[in-house]
N, C-alpha and C. Protein backbone atom coordinates (compact mmCIF):
# COMPACT_ATOMS: atom_id res chain seq x y z
N MET A 1 -14.67 3.93 -3.97
CA MET A 1 -13.90 3.18 -3.01
C MET A 1 -14.82 2.83 -1.84
N SER A 2 -14.66 1.65 -1.33
CA SER A 2 -15.48 1.16 -0.23
C SER A 2 -14.94 1.61 1.12
N PRO A 3 -15.82 1.68 2.12
CA PRO A 3 -15.35 1.97 3.47
C PRO A 3 -14.41 0.86 3.96
N ILE A 4 -13.53 1.21 4.87
CA ILE A 4 -12.55 0.25 5.38
C ILE A 4 -13.23 -1.00 5.92
N SER A 5 -14.27 -0.85 6.71
CA SER A 5 -14.93 -2.02 7.30
C SER A 5 -15.47 -2.96 6.23
N GLU A 6 -15.96 -2.40 5.14
CA GLU A 6 -16.48 -3.23 4.05
C GLU A 6 -15.35 -3.98 3.34
N ILE A 7 -14.24 -3.31 3.11
CA ILE A 7 -13.09 -3.95 2.47
C ILE A 7 -12.62 -5.12 3.32
N VAL A 8 -12.42 -4.89 4.60
CA VAL A 8 -11.94 -5.94 5.50
C VAL A 8 -12.92 -7.10 5.53
N SER A 9 -14.19 -6.81 5.64
CA SER A 9 -15.21 -7.85 5.68
C SER A 9 -15.20 -8.70 4.41
N ARG A 10 -15.09 -8.05 3.27
CA ARG A 10 -15.11 -8.77 1.99
C ARG A 10 -13.86 -9.63 1.81
N VAL A 11 -12.70 -9.10 2.19
CA VAL A 11 -11.45 -9.87 2.04
C VAL A 11 -11.44 -11.04 3.02
N ARG A 12 -11.75 -10.77 4.27
CA ARG A 12 -11.75 -11.84 5.27
C ARG A 12 -12.85 -12.86 5.01
N GLY A 13 -13.95 -12.40 4.42
CA GLY A 13 -15.06 -13.31 4.12
C GLY A 13 -14.89 -14.08 2.81
N GLY A 14 -13.89 -13.72 2.03
CA GLY A 14 -13.61 -14.46 0.81
C GLY A 14 -14.40 -14.03 -0.41
N THR A 15 -15.13 -12.90 -0.34
CA THR A 15 -15.89 -12.46 -1.51
C THR A 15 -15.03 -11.66 -2.48
N THR A 16 -13.85 -11.25 -2.02
CA THR A 16 -12.87 -10.60 -2.89
C THR A 16 -11.50 -10.88 -2.31
N THR A 17 -10.47 -10.38 -2.95
CA THR A 17 -9.11 -10.59 -2.47
C THR A 17 -8.41 -9.25 -2.29
N ALA A 18 -7.39 -9.26 -1.47
CA ALA A 18 -6.58 -8.05 -1.30
C ALA A 18 -5.93 -7.69 -2.63
N GLU A 19 -5.55 -8.69 -3.40
CA GLU A 19 -4.92 -8.42 -4.70
C GLU A 19 -5.90 -7.70 -5.64
N ARG A 20 -7.14 -8.10 -5.63
CA ARG A 20 -8.12 -7.44 -6.49
C ARG A 20 -8.37 -6.00 -6.04
N ILE A 21 -8.51 -5.81 -4.73
CA ILE A 21 -8.70 -4.46 -4.19
C ILE A 21 -7.51 -3.58 -4.58
N ALA A 22 -6.30 -4.11 -4.42
CA ALA A 22 -5.10 -3.35 -4.76
C ALA A 22 -5.06 -3.04 -6.25
N GLY A 23 -5.39 -4.00 -7.08
CA GLY A 23 -5.40 -3.77 -8.53
C GLY A 23 -6.37 -2.68 -8.93
N GLU A 24 -7.55 -2.70 -8.34
CA GLU A 24 -8.55 -1.66 -8.65
C GLU A 24 -8.05 -0.29 -8.20
N ALA A 25 -7.44 -0.22 -7.01
CA ALA A 25 -6.92 1.05 -6.52
C ALA A 25 -5.78 1.56 -7.40
N LEU A 26 -4.90 0.66 -7.79
CA LEU A 26 -3.79 1.03 -8.66
C LEU A 26 -4.27 1.53 -10.02
N ASP A 27 -5.31 0.90 -10.55
CA ASP A 27 -5.88 1.36 -11.82
C ASP A 27 -6.45 2.77 -11.69
N ARG A 28 -7.12 3.02 -10.58
CA ARG A 28 -7.68 4.36 -10.34
C ARG A 28 -6.56 5.39 -10.19
N ILE A 29 -5.53 5.03 -9.45
CA ILE A 29 -4.39 5.93 -9.28
C ILE A 29 -3.77 6.25 -10.64
N ALA A 30 -3.61 5.24 -11.48
CA ALA A 30 -3.02 5.45 -12.80
C ALA A 30 -3.83 6.44 -13.63
N ARG A 31 -5.17 6.41 -13.45
CA ARG A 31 -6.03 7.33 -14.20
C ARG A 31 -5.93 8.77 -13.71
N ILE A 32 -5.86 8.96 -12.39
CA ILE A 32 -5.94 10.32 -11.87
C ILE A 32 -4.61 10.91 -11.40
N GLU A 33 -3.59 10.09 -11.22
CA GLU A 33 -2.31 10.58 -10.71
C GLU A 33 -1.70 11.68 -11.57
N PRO A 34 -1.76 11.60 -12.88
CA PRO A 34 -1.17 12.69 -13.67
C PRO A 34 -1.76 14.07 -13.37
N ARG A 35 -3.01 14.11 -12.92
CA ARG A 35 -3.66 15.39 -12.60
C ARG A 35 -3.33 15.87 -11.20
N ILE A 36 -3.20 14.94 -10.24
CA ILE A 36 -3.05 15.38 -8.86
C ILE A 36 -1.63 15.24 -8.30
N GLU A 37 -0.81 14.43 -8.92
CA GLU A 37 0.59 14.25 -8.51
C GLU A 37 0.74 14.02 -7.01
N ALA A 38 0.05 13.00 -6.50
CA ALA A 38 0.08 12.70 -5.07
C ALA A 38 1.23 11.79 -4.67
N PHE A 39 1.78 11.02 -5.61
CA PHE A 39 2.81 10.05 -5.28
C PHE A 39 4.15 10.42 -5.91
N LEU A 40 5.22 10.32 -5.09
CA LEU A 40 6.57 10.48 -5.62
C LEU A 40 7.02 9.19 -6.29
N ALA A 41 6.56 8.06 -5.74
CA ALA A 41 6.94 6.75 -6.26
C ALA A 41 5.81 5.77 -6.01
N LEU A 42 5.63 4.86 -6.93
CA LEU A 42 4.60 3.83 -6.81
C LEU A 42 5.07 2.62 -7.59
N ASP A 43 5.17 1.48 -6.91
CA ASP A 43 5.64 0.25 -7.53
C ASP A 43 4.49 -0.74 -7.60
N ARG A 44 3.82 -0.78 -8.74
CA ARG A 44 2.64 -1.62 -8.93
C ARG A 44 2.91 -3.08 -8.56
N GLU A 45 4.02 -3.61 -9.05
CA GLU A 45 4.31 -5.03 -8.79
C GLU A 45 4.55 -5.30 -7.31
N ARG A 46 5.20 -4.38 -6.64
CA ARG A 46 5.44 -4.54 -5.19
C ARG A 46 4.14 -4.49 -4.42
N VAL A 47 3.26 -3.58 -4.79
CA VAL A 47 1.95 -3.48 -4.12
C VAL A 47 1.16 -4.77 -4.32
N LEU A 48 1.12 -5.29 -5.54
CA LEU A 48 0.38 -6.52 -5.81
C LEU A 48 0.99 -7.72 -5.10
N ALA A 49 2.32 -7.77 -5.01
CA ALA A 49 2.98 -8.86 -4.30
C ALA A 49 2.63 -8.83 -2.81
N GLU A 50 2.61 -7.63 -2.24
CA GLU A 50 2.22 -7.49 -0.83
C GLU A 50 0.76 -7.94 -0.63
N ALA A 51 -0.09 -7.60 -1.57
CA ALA A 51 -1.50 -7.99 -1.49
C ALA A 51 -1.64 -9.51 -1.56
N ARG A 52 -0.85 -10.16 -2.40
CA ARG A 52 -0.89 -11.62 -2.48
C ARG A 52 -0.45 -12.25 -1.15
N LEU A 53 0.52 -11.62 -0.48
CA LEU A 53 0.93 -12.12 0.85
C LEU A 53 -0.22 -12.00 1.85
N VAL A 54 -0.95 -10.90 1.78
CA VAL A 54 -2.12 -10.73 2.65
C VAL A 54 -3.15 -11.82 2.36
N ASP A 55 -3.40 -12.08 1.09
CA ASP A 55 -4.36 -13.13 0.72
C ASP A 55 -3.94 -14.49 1.25
N ALA A 56 -2.66 -14.80 1.18
CA ALA A 56 -2.15 -16.08 1.69
C ALA A 56 -2.33 -16.17 3.20
N ARG A 57 -2.09 -15.07 3.89
CA ARG A 57 -2.27 -15.05 5.34
C ARG A 57 -3.74 -15.21 5.72
N VAL A 58 -4.63 -14.58 4.96
CA VAL A 58 -6.07 -14.73 5.21
C VAL A 58 -6.48 -16.19 4.99
N GLU A 59 -5.98 -16.80 3.93
CA GLU A 59 -6.30 -18.21 3.65
C GLU A 59 -5.83 -19.14 4.77
N ARG A 60 -4.73 -18.79 5.42
CA ARG A 60 -4.22 -19.60 6.54
C ARG A 60 -5.02 -19.36 7.82
N GLY A 61 -5.95 -18.42 7.77
CA GLY A 61 -6.80 -18.15 8.92
C GLY A 61 -6.25 -17.13 9.90
N GLU A 62 -5.22 -16.39 9.49
CA GLU A 62 -4.68 -15.37 10.38
C GLU A 62 -5.69 -14.24 10.56
N GLU A 63 -5.73 -13.70 11.76
CA GLU A 63 -6.59 -12.56 12.06
C GLU A 63 -5.87 -11.28 11.64
N LEU A 64 -6.32 -10.70 10.58
CA LEU A 64 -5.73 -9.45 10.08
C LEU A 64 -6.80 -8.37 10.14
N PRO A 65 -6.75 -7.49 11.14
CA PRO A 65 -7.80 -6.51 11.32
C PRO A 65 -7.95 -5.52 10.17
N LEU A 66 -6.92 -5.36 9.34
CA LEU A 66 -7.00 -4.43 8.21
C LEU A 66 -6.72 -5.14 6.89
N ALA A 67 -7.10 -6.39 6.79
CA ALA A 67 -6.85 -7.17 5.57
C ALA A 67 -7.44 -6.48 4.35
N GLY A 68 -6.58 -6.20 3.37
CA GLY A 68 -7.02 -5.61 2.12
C GLY A 68 -7.04 -4.09 2.08
N VAL A 69 -6.77 -3.45 3.21
CA VAL A 69 -6.79 -1.99 3.26
C VAL A 69 -5.43 -1.46 2.80
N LEU A 70 -5.46 -0.58 1.83
CA LEU A 70 -4.23 0.01 1.31
C LEU A 70 -3.89 1.28 2.07
N VAL A 71 -2.59 1.52 2.21
CA VAL A 71 -2.12 2.70 2.91
C VAL A 71 -1.00 3.33 2.09
N GLY A 72 -1.09 4.63 1.87
CA GLY A 72 0.00 5.36 1.23
C GLY A 72 0.90 5.92 2.32
N ILE A 73 2.20 5.84 2.09
CA ILE A 73 3.16 6.31 3.08
C ILE A 73 3.70 7.67 2.63
N LYS A 74 3.57 8.67 3.48
CA LYS A 74 4.11 10.00 3.16
C LYS A 74 5.63 9.94 3.09
N ASP A 75 6.20 10.85 2.38
CA ASP A 75 7.65 10.83 2.20
C ASP A 75 8.43 11.39 3.38
N ASN A 76 7.77 11.59 4.52
CA ASN A 76 8.49 11.94 5.73
C ASN A 76 8.67 10.72 6.63
N MET A 77 8.27 9.56 6.13
CA MET A 77 8.48 8.28 6.81
C MET A 77 9.29 7.40 5.87
N THR A 78 10.25 6.67 6.41
CA THR A 78 11.09 5.85 5.55
C THR A 78 10.42 4.53 5.22
N ALA A 79 10.54 4.15 3.95
CA ALA A 79 10.10 2.85 3.45
C ALA A 79 11.20 2.38 2.51
N GLU A 80 11.77 1.26 2.83
CA GLU A 80 12.94 0.78 2.08
C GLU A 80 12.69 0.80 0.57
N GLY A 81 13.62 1.44 -0.13
CA GLY A 81 13.56 1.49 -1.58
C GLY A 81 12.72 2.62 -2.16
N TYR A 82 12.07 3.39 -1.30
CA TYR A 82 11.25 4.51 -1.76
C TYR A 82 11.88 5.82 -1.30
N PRO A 83 11.67 6.90 -2.05
CA PRO A 83 12.23 8.19 -1.64
C PRO A 83 11.62 8.66 -0.31
N ALA A 84 12.45 9.32 0.47
CA ALA A 84 12.00 9.93 1.72
C ALA A 84 12.55 11.35 1.73
N THR A 85 11.89 12.23 1.01
CA THR A 85 12.41 13.59 0.84
C THR A 85 11.96 14.57 1.91
N CYS A 86 10.93 14.23 2.63
CA CYS A 86 10.35 15.15 3.62
C CYS A 86 10.01 16.49 2.97
N GLY A 87 9.72 16.46 1.68
CA GLY A 87 9.37 17.66 0.95
C GLY A 87 10.54 18.58 0.67
N SER A 88 11.77 18.07 0.82
CA SER A 88 12.96 18.90 0.65
C SER A 88 13.78 18.45 -0.56
N ARG A 89 14.23 19.40 -1.34
CA ARG A 89 15.08 19.09 -2.49
C ARG A 89 16.44 18.52 -2.04
N ILE A 90 16.88 18.89 -0.86
CA ILE A 90 18.15 18.39 -0.35
C ILE A 90 18.13 16.86 -0.24
N LEU A 91 16.97 16.30 0.07
CA LEU A 91 16.85 14.85 0.25
C LEU A 91 16.29 14.14 -0.99
N GLU A 92 16.21 14.79 -2.12
CA GLU A 92 15.55 14.19 -3.28
C GLU A 92 16.21 12.90 -3.76
N ARG A 93 17.47 12.66 -3.46
CA ARG A 93 18.14 11.42 -3.86
C ARG A 93 18.25 10.40 -2.73
N PHE A 94 17.73 10.74 -1.56
CA PHE A 94 17.81 9.83 -0.41
C PHE A 94 16.81 8.70 -0.55
N ALA A 95 17.31 7.48 -0.56
CA ALA A 95 16.47 6.28 -0.60
C ALA A 95 16.88 5.41 0.58
N PRO A 96 16.10 5.37 1.64
CA PRO A 96 16.50 4.65 2.85
C PRO A 96 16.59 3.14 2.63
N GLY A 97 17.47 2.52 3.38
CA GLY A 97 17.63 1.07 3.31
C GLY A 97 16.89 0.36 4.42
N TYR A 98 15.90 1.01 4.99
CA TYR A 98 15.15 0.43 6.10
C TYR A 98 13.73 1.02 6.12
N ASP A 99 12.85 0.34 6.84
CA ASP A 99 11.48 0.81 7.03
C ASP A 99 11.36 1.47 8.40
N ALA A 100 10.61 2.56 8.46
CA ALA A 100 10.26 3.14 9.76
C ALA A 100 9.42 2.12 10.53
N THR A 101 9.43 2.21 11.83
CA THR A 101 8.66 1.27 12.66
C THR A 101 7.20 1.24 12.24
N ALA A 102 6.61 2.41 12.02
CA ALA A 102 5.20 2.47 11.63
C ALA A 102 4.95 1.79 10.28
N VAL A 103 5.94 1.79 9.39
CA VAL A 103 5.80 1.14 8.10
C VAL A 103 6.00 -0.37 8.25
N ALA A 104 6.96 -0.76 9.08
CA ALA A 104 7.28 -2.18 9.27
C ALA A 104 6.15 -2.95 9.93
N ARG A 105 5.35 -2.28 10.74
CA ARG A 105 4.26 -2.94 11.46
C ARG A 105 3.01 -3.04 10.62
N ARG A 106 3.10 -3.78 9.54
CA ARG A 106 1.96 -3.91 8.66
C ARG A 106 1.21 -5.18 8.86
């Protein structure tokens, strides 16, 4: 995996795309996730769709300081449609209908 500054530089400079970076990361996660079990939920298509939106914004010339950088959200922060268990079995079925402020500010 490349350093953040390199990812941003490559995406903003047009030598790669956020979608490609996301695809490579998702492929790596698919290979190692069964061993480490780091994610409660992962939606490949949603991640790639978000990456395509980033690419479109970069093409329009928007200044995106973290263009192409992927972020995993812990389950103690709400992200619409994803579990937010806070590590508790009591909340294992809780799926929030909203994003936390820190998640929404992407």
